[in-house]
Amino acid sequence: MQAPPTPVDETQRLRSLIALGVLDTMPEDRFDRITRLACRAFAVPMALVSLVDRDRTWFKSKQGFDGCESSRRTSFCGHAILHEGPLVIADTLLDPRFADNPFVENDPRVRFYAGQPVHGVDGMRVGTLCLIDQQPRQLLEGDLTLLTDLAGMIDREFSLVARASTDELTSLANRRGFTEVAVHVLALCKRMMQPAVAIGIDLDNFKSINDTHGHEAGDDALRLFSKLLFGNFRTSDVVARLGGDEFAILCSGTTSDRTAVSLERLRAEFEASTIVQKYPGLSWSAGIADFDPASDATIEDLLRTADARMYDAKVASKHRS
């Protein structure tokens, strides 16, 4: 058996996957409808919408297949996401990559597999729509076109899900999107016994911009600050606008000491940016909360702690001035 290699853009791919906010969520008819259609259209007993996570393949929708996830190491879909276009295995017993795969040698005894990549909103390949049969078979060109079209329907549904989780003004995650992704990130940190950090950030004196320059100027300031936030944290970090002038960042696999360095870099870039030149009264305050993977702390717990520390930072700043 050949385990699937890691894509060269794996960090960005995982970030795109997590940003969708669909991992470990309940089944939805919008996706089940497509896998049911795939089973009927291709006369196969099994069809899946799979999402290839860091070390597992998780199934958002499944027809005729038991289990909610499998190891990425034995995943057919882990191979399918390596390239654009469908991966078709007409007979697994004739393919050395899969002939001794446990899903071939044991139930469900896969003999045929066809997987078309599905995408996050940024176009990254996050999983597949796949067809499975216990008999070898071939797909014609028209079949491949239909499979691609059905996968495109999955892409559109992902786009709709993401749109409900994205702040329209800044293109960052909104509160709903942040919470949905954070739940998954913290669960992953617990499973891998890795720390994490939640940061709460408020823009100070933001109301004065709206009052003095108007709401268009306020929107401009929010967009400029969002770009600074996005550029100063890792691609694996979750950056969100929770509402108004409130922002949050969740950083996995790190501690508050290392995160403080990122905040200092952000402060330096903020002071040198056009945002200060355009809106000289604007500043920001931050609070940090550490996540212990051995604890039962939730993202709400972390945000409350970060908010309290941010308030303390605001008070200390006022006293210094």
Protein backbone atom coordinates (compact mmCIF):
# COMPACT_ATOMS: atom_id res chain seq x y z
CA MET A 1 0.00 0.00 0.00
CA GLN A 2 1.20 3.52 -0.80
CA ALA A 3 0.23 6.23 1.67
CA PRO A 4 -0.70 9.52 -0.03
CA PRO A 5 2.12 12.08 -0.11
CA THR A 6 1.65 15.49 1.48
CA PRO A 7 0.74 18.28 -0.98
CA VAL A 8 3.30 21.06 -1.31
CA ASP A 9 0.66 23.62 -0.30
CA GLU A 10 -0.54 21.63 2.72
CA THR A 11 -0.49 24.52 5.23
CA GLN A 12 -2.63 26.73 3.03
CA ARG A 13 -4.85 23.78 2.11
CA LEU A 14 -5.56 22.96 5.76
CA ARG A 15 -6.22 26.60 6.49
CA SER A 16 -8.78 26.67 3.67
CA LEU A 17 -10.37 23.48 4.99
CA ILE A 18 -10.67 24.76 8.55
CA ALA A 19 -12.00 28.10 7.31
CA LEU A 20 -15.00 26.32 5.77
CA GLY A 21 -16.22 25.46 9.25
CA VAL A 22 -17.84 22.17 8.20
CA LEU A 23 -15.54 19.61 9.83
CA ASP A 24 -17.30 17.52 12.50
CA THR A 25 -20.68 19.10 11.77
CA MET A 26 -23.99 17.29 11.48
CA PRO A 27 -25.15 15.78 8.15
CA GLU A 28 -26.98 18.24 5.88
CA ASP A 29 -29.46 17.43 3.16
CA ARG A 30 -27.80 19.94 0.80
CA PHE A 31 -24.80 17.56 0.61
CA ASP A 32 -26.68 14.26 1.07
CA ARG A 33 -28.87 15.20 -1.88
CA ILE A 34 -25.79 15.30 -4.12
CA THR A 35 -24.35 11.97 -2.93
CA ARG A 36 -27.76 10.33 -3.40
CA LEU A 37 -27.88 11.73 -6.92
CA ALA A 38 -24.35 10.44 -7.57
CA CYS A 39 -25.31 6.92 -6.50
CA ARG A 40 -28.32 6.94 -8.82
CA ALA A 41 -26.56 8.56 -11.76
CA PHE A 42 -23.60 6.17 -11.72
CA ALA A 43 -25.38 3.09 -10.30
CA VAL A 44 -22.80 2.72 -7.54
CA PRO A 45 -23.56 1.53 -4.00
CA MET A 46 -21.40 4.16 -2.29
CA ALA A 47 -20.74 7.89 -2.67
CA LEU A 48 -19.00 10.25 -0.27
CA VAL A 49 -18.17 13.89 0.25
CA SER A 50 -14.80 13.55 1.96
CA LEU A 51 -12.68 16.23 3.61
CA VAL A 52 -8.98 15.47 3.97
CA ASP A 53 -7.86 16.76 7.38
CA ARG A 54 -4.35 16.74 8.85
CA ASP A 55 -4.32 13.05 9.75
CA ARG A 56 -7.76 11.75 8.80
CA THR A 57 -10.38 11.79 6.08
CA TRP A 58 -13.75 12.89 7.44
CA PHE A 59 -17.04 12.37 5.61
CA LYS A 60 -19.49 15.27 5.42
CA SER A 61 -21.91 13.11 3.46
CA LYS A 62 -22.01 9.37 2.84
CA GLN A 63 -24.25 6.89 1.09
CA GLY A 64 -23.78 3.15 1.63
CA PHE A 65 -20.62 3.58 3.71
CA ASP A 66 -20.20 2.94 7.44
CA GLY A 67 -18.11 5.16 9.69
CA CYS A 68 -17.58 8.91 9.87
CA GLU A 69 -13.85 9.06 9.16
CA SER A 70 -10.79 7.03 8.27
CA SER A 71 -7.04 7.39 8.54
CA ARG A 72 -5.53 9.70 5.96
CA ARG A 73 -2.72 7.18 5.53
CA THR A 74 -5.11 4.64 3.98
CA SER A 75 -7.18 7.27 2.17
CA PHE A 76 -7.90 7.08 -1.55
CA CYS A 77 -9.02 10.70 -1.36
CA GLY A 78 -5.62 11.73 -0.04
CA HIS A 79 -4.26 10.75 -3.46
CA ALA A 80 -7.15 12.42 -5.32
CA ILE A 81 -6.46 15.89 -3.85
CA LEU A 82 -2.90 15.93 -5.21
CA HIS A 83 -4.06 17.03 -8.66
CA GLU A 84 -6.95 18.82 -10.33
CA GLY A 85 -9.28 16.54 -12.25
CA PRO A 86 -10.65 13.12 -11.33
CA LEU A 87 -8.65 10.20 -10.00
CA VAL A 88 -10.16 7.00 -11.42
CA ILE A 89 -9.07 3.54 -10.26
CA ALA A 90 -10.85 1.11 -12.56
CA ASP A 91 -9.68 -1.96 -10.60
CA THR A 92 -7.90 -1.51 -7.28
CA LEU A 93 -6.40 -5.01 -7.43
CA LEU A 94 -4.43 -3.96 -10.52
CA ASP A 95 -3.06 -0.77 -8.95
CA PRO A 96 -0.02 -1.28 -6.66
CA ARG A 97 -0.91 1.85 -4.68
CA PHE A 98 -4.17 0.29 -3.49
CA ALA A 99 -4.10 -3.50 -4.06
CA ASP A 100 -3.26 -4.22 -0.39
CA ASN A 101 -5.15 -1.26 1.07
CA PRO A 102 -7.25 -2.33 4.09
CA PHE A 103 -10.40 -0.98 2.41
CA VAL A 104 -9.66 -3.27 -0.53
CA GLU A 105 -8.71 -6.39 1.43
CA ASN A 106 -11.50 -5.92 3.99
CA ASP A 107 -14.94 -4.33 4.06
CA PRO A 108 -16.16 -2.46 2.11
CA ARG A 109 -13.83 -4.27 -0.38
CA VAL A 110 -13.32 -1.39 -2.77
CA ARG A 111 -12.65 -2.49 -6.36
CA PHE A 112 -13.52 0.78 -8.12
CA TYR A 113 -12.89 4.37 -7.02
CA ALA A 114 -13.42 7.71 -8.74
CA GLY A 115 -12.75 10.93 -6.85
CA GLN A 116 -13.12 14.50 -8.10
CA PRO A 117 -11.56 17.21 -5.89
CA VAL A 118 -13.84 19.71 -4.16
CA HIS A 119 -12.59 23.13 -3.15
CA GLY A 120 -12.57 25.77 -0.46
CA VAL A 121 -13.60 29.30 -1.35
CA ASP A 122 -9.99 30.14 -2.26
CA GLY A 123 -9.79 27.25 -4.74
CA MET A 124 -7.68 24.94 -2.56
CA ARG A 125 -8.45 21.23 -2.88
CA VAL A 126 -9.92 20.27 0.50
CA GLY A 127 -11.50 16.91 -0.29
CA THR A 128 -13.44 14.97 -2.90
CA LEU A 129 -16.76 13.84 -4.18
CA CYS A 130 -16.05 10.15 -4.71
CA LEU A 131 -17.78 7.09 -6.11
CA ILE A 132 -17.07 3.57 -4.81
CA ASP A 133 -18.08 0.17 -6.14
CA GLN A 134 -17.27 -3.39 -5.14
CA GLN A 135 -16.90 -4.35 -8.80
CA PRO A 136 -14.28 -3.05 -11.26
CA ARG A 137 -15.65 -0.68 -13.88
CA GLN A 138 -14.78 2.06 -16.35
CA LEU A 139 -15.97 5.66 -16.66
CA LEU A 140 -16.63 7.24 -20.05
CA GLU A 141 -15.85 10.85 -20.90
CA GLY A 142 -19.47 11.85 -20.34
CA ASP A 143 -19.34 10.20 -16.90
CA LEU A 144 -16.29 12.25 -15.96
CA THR A 145 -18.06 15.42 -17.04
CA LEU A 146 -21.03 14.55 -14.84
CA LEU A 147 -18.78 13.77 -11.86
CA THR A 148 -17.06 17.14 -12.32
CA ASP A 149 -20.42 18.90 -12.48
CA LEU A 150 -21.62 17.22 -9.28
CA ALA A 151 -18.39 18.19 -7.51
CA GLY A 152 -19.00 21.75 -8.69
CA MET A 153 -22.33 21.62 -6.86
CA ILE A 154 -20.44 20.73 -3.69
CA ASP A 155 -18.12 23.70 -4.27
CA ARG A 156 -21.11 26.02 -4.55
CA GLU A 157 -22.60 24.70 -1.32
CA PHE A 158 -19.25 25.23 0.44
CA SER A 159 -19.23 28.78 -0.89
CA LEU A 160 -22.69 29.41 0.56
CA VAL A 161 -21.62 27.99 3.92
CA ALA A 162 -18.51 30.18 3.95
CA ARG A 163 -20.46 33.28 2.97
CA ALA A 164 -22.60 32.90 6.08
CA SER A 165 -19.41 32.70 8.15
CA THR A 166 -17.53 35.66 6.61
CA ASP A 167 -17.61 39.35 7.45
CA GLU A 168 -18.54 41.14 4.23
CA LEU A 169 -16.64 44.35 5.02
CA THR A 170 -13.24 42.86 5.87
CA SER A 171 -13.44 39.31 4.38
CA LEU A 172 -12.30 37.97 7.75
CA ALA A 173 -14.31 35.30 9.57
CA ASN A 174 -17.31 36.69 11.42
CA ARG A 175 -18.29 35.64 14.94
CA ARG A 176 -20.16 32.57 13.73
CA GLY A 177 -17.33 31.51 11.44
CA PHE A 178 -14.72 32.09 14.13
CA THR A 179 -16.60 30.06 16.71
CA GLU A 180 -17.24 27.15 14.35
CA VAL A 181 -13.59 26.96 13.29
CA ALA A 182 -12.26 27.54 16.82
CA VAL A 183 -14.19 24.55 18.17
CA HIS A 184 -12.43 22.32 15.65
CA VAL A 185 -8.99 23.89 16.22
CA LEU A 186 -9.20 23.47 20.01
CA ALA A 187 -10.38 19.86 19.62
CA LEU A 188 -7.38 19.21 17.37
CA CYS A 189 -5.05 20.83 19.92
CA LYS A 190 -6.47 18.60 22.66
CA ARG A 191 -6.01 15.51 20.51
CA MET A 192 -2.40 16.43 19.72
CA MET A 193 -1.71 17.89 23.20
CA GLN A 194 -0.64 21.23 21.74
CA PRO A 195 -1.16 24.66 23.33
CA ALA A 196 -3.07 27.50 21.72
CA VAL A 197 -3.62 31.20 22.29
CA ALA A 198 -6.73 33.36 21.89
CA ILE A 199 -6.24 37.10 21.37
CA GLY A 200 -8.92 39.73 21.74
CA ILE A 201 -8.31 43.12 20.09
CA ASP A 202 -10.34 46.33 20.22
CA LEU A 203 -9.75 49.49 18.23
CA ASP A 204 -9.52 52.44 20.64
CA ASN A 205 -11.14 55.76 19.76
CA PHE A 206 -12.90 54.18 16.80
CA LYS A 207 -16.19 55.96 17.50
CA SER A 208 -14.48 59.32 17.01
CA ILE A 209 -13.64 58.36 13.41
CA ASN A 210 -17.30 57.71 12.61
CA ASP A 211 -18.35 60.87 14.41
CA THR A 212 -15.70 63.10 12.79
CA HIS A 213 -15.18 61.61 9.33
CA GLY A 214 -18.34 59.57 8.75
CA HIS A 215 -19.09 55.85 8.51
CA GLU A 216 -17.28 55.41 5.19
CA ALA A 217 -14.08 56.46 6.92
CA GLY A 218 -14.84 54.04 9.74
CA ASP A 219 -15.27 51.22 7.24
CA ASP A 220 -11.99 52.21 5.60
CA ALA A 221 -10.19 52.06 8.97
CA LEU A 222 -11.64 48.62 9.69
CA ARG A 223 -10.51 47.28 6.31
CA LEU A 224 -6.99 48.70 6.72
CA PHE A 225 -6.63 47.26 10.22
CA SER A 226 -7.95 43.89 9.06
CA LYS A 227 -5.24 43.72 6.40
CA LEU A 228 -2.61 44.43 9.04
CA LEU A 229 -3.98 41.67 11.25
CA PHE A 230 -4.12 39.17 8.42
CA GLY A 231 -0.58 39.97 7.32
CA ASN A 232 0.97 39.70 10.78
CA PHE A 233 -0.24 36.25 11.75
CA ARG A 234 0.42 32.80 10.33
CA THR A 235 -1.70 31.32 7.56
CA SER A 236 -2.81 28.64 10.04
CA ASP A 237 -4.14 31.24 12.53
CA VAL A 238 -7.84 32.11 12.55
CA VAL A 239 -8.41 35.88 12.29
CA ALA A 240 -11.92 37.28 12.75
CA ARG A 241 -13.91 40.45 13.13
CA LEU A 242 -16.44 39.66 15.84
CA GLY A 243 -18.42 42.84 15.25
CA GLY A 244 -18.00 46.61 15.37
CA ASP A 245 -14.37 47.31 16.26
CA GLU A 246 -13.82 43.94 17.98
CA PHE A 247 -11.38 41.40 16.54
CA ALA A 248 -10.12 37.99 17.64
CA ILE A 249 -7.30 35.66 16.64
CA LEU A 250 -6.84 32.00 17.55
CA CYS A 251 -3.28 30.71 17.20
CA SER A 252 -2.69 26.96 17.53
CA GLY A 253 0.55 25.27 18.56
CA THR A 254 1.98 28.34 20.27
CA THR A 255 2.08 30.19 23.60
CA SER A 256 1.42 33.73 24.79
CA ASP A 257 5.14 34.50 24.97
CA ARG A 258 5.63 33.78 21.28
CA THR A 259 2.35 35.46 20.37
CA ALA A 260 3.48 38.63 22.14
CA VAL A 261 6.23 38.92 19.53
CA SER A 262 3.59 38.93 16.77
CA LEU A 263 1.67 41.65 18.61
CA GLU A 264 4.78 43.80 18.94
CA ARG A 265 5.41 43.42 15.22
CA LEU A 266 1.78 44.35 14.58
CA ARG A 267 2.15 47.44 16.77
CA ALA A 268 5.27 48.56 14.89
CA GLU A 269 3.61 48.09 11.50
CA PHE A 270 0.47 49.83 12.73
CA GLU A 271 2.45 52.91 13.81
CA ALA A 272 4.18 53.03 10.42
CA SER A 273 1.03 52.43 8.36
CA THR A 274 -1.24 54.75 6.44
CA ILE A 275 -4.02 54.06 8.92
CA VAL A 276 -2.26 56.20 11.53
CA GLN A 277 -1.60 58.93 9.00
CA LYS A 278 -5.26 59.01 7.94
CA TYR A 279 -6.72 58.56 11.42
CA PRO A 280 -4.11 59.78 13.92
CA GLY A 281 -6.29 59.28 17.00
CA LEU A 282 -6.76 55.57 16.37
CA SER A 283 -4.99 52.93 18.48
CA TRP A 284 -5.70 49.39 19.68
CA SER A 285 -5.56 47.23 22.81
CA ALA A 286 -5.14 43.48 23.11
CA GLY A 287 -5.61 40.74 25.67
CA ILE A 288 -4.17 37.21 25.50
CA ALA A 289 -5.50 33.93 26.93
CA ASP A 290 -3.54 30.65 26.89
CA PHE A 291 -5.27 27.35 26.13
CA ASP A 292 -4.11 24.31 28.10
CA PRO A 293 -4.84 21.15 26.04
CA ALA A 294 -5.34 19.22 29.28
CA SER A 295 -8.19 21.54 30.30
CA ASP A 296 -11.84 21.68 29.29
CA ALA A 297 -11.72 25.38 28.41
CA THR A 298 -13.96 26.43 25.52
CA ILE A 299 -13.41 29.20 23.01
CA GLU A 300 -15.97 31.27 24.95
CA ASP A 301 -13.88 30.82 28.10
CA LEU A 302 -10.75 31.95 26.28
CA LEU A 303 -12.45 35.00 24.77
CA ARG A 304 -13.78 36.06 28.17
CA THR A 305 -10.29 35.84 29.64
CA ALA A 306 -8.77 37.69 26.68
CA ASP A 307 -11.46 40.41 26.94
CA ALA A 308 -10.77 40.93 30.65
CA ARG A 309 -7.04 41.28 30.01
CA MET A 310 -7.71 43.61 27.10
CA TYR A 311 -9.78 45.84 29.37
CA ASP A 312 -6.92 45.90 31.89
CA ALA A 313 -4.58 46.92 29.04
CA LYS A 314 -6.95 49.77 28.08
CA VAL A 315 -7.03 51.06 31.66
CA ALA A 316 -3.25 50.85 32.00
CA SER A 317 -2.81 52.72 28.71
CA LYS A 318 -5.10 55.53 29.87
CA HIS A 319 -3.19 55.85 33.12
CA ARG A 320 0.12 56.09 31.24
CA SER A 321 -1.25 58.84 29.00
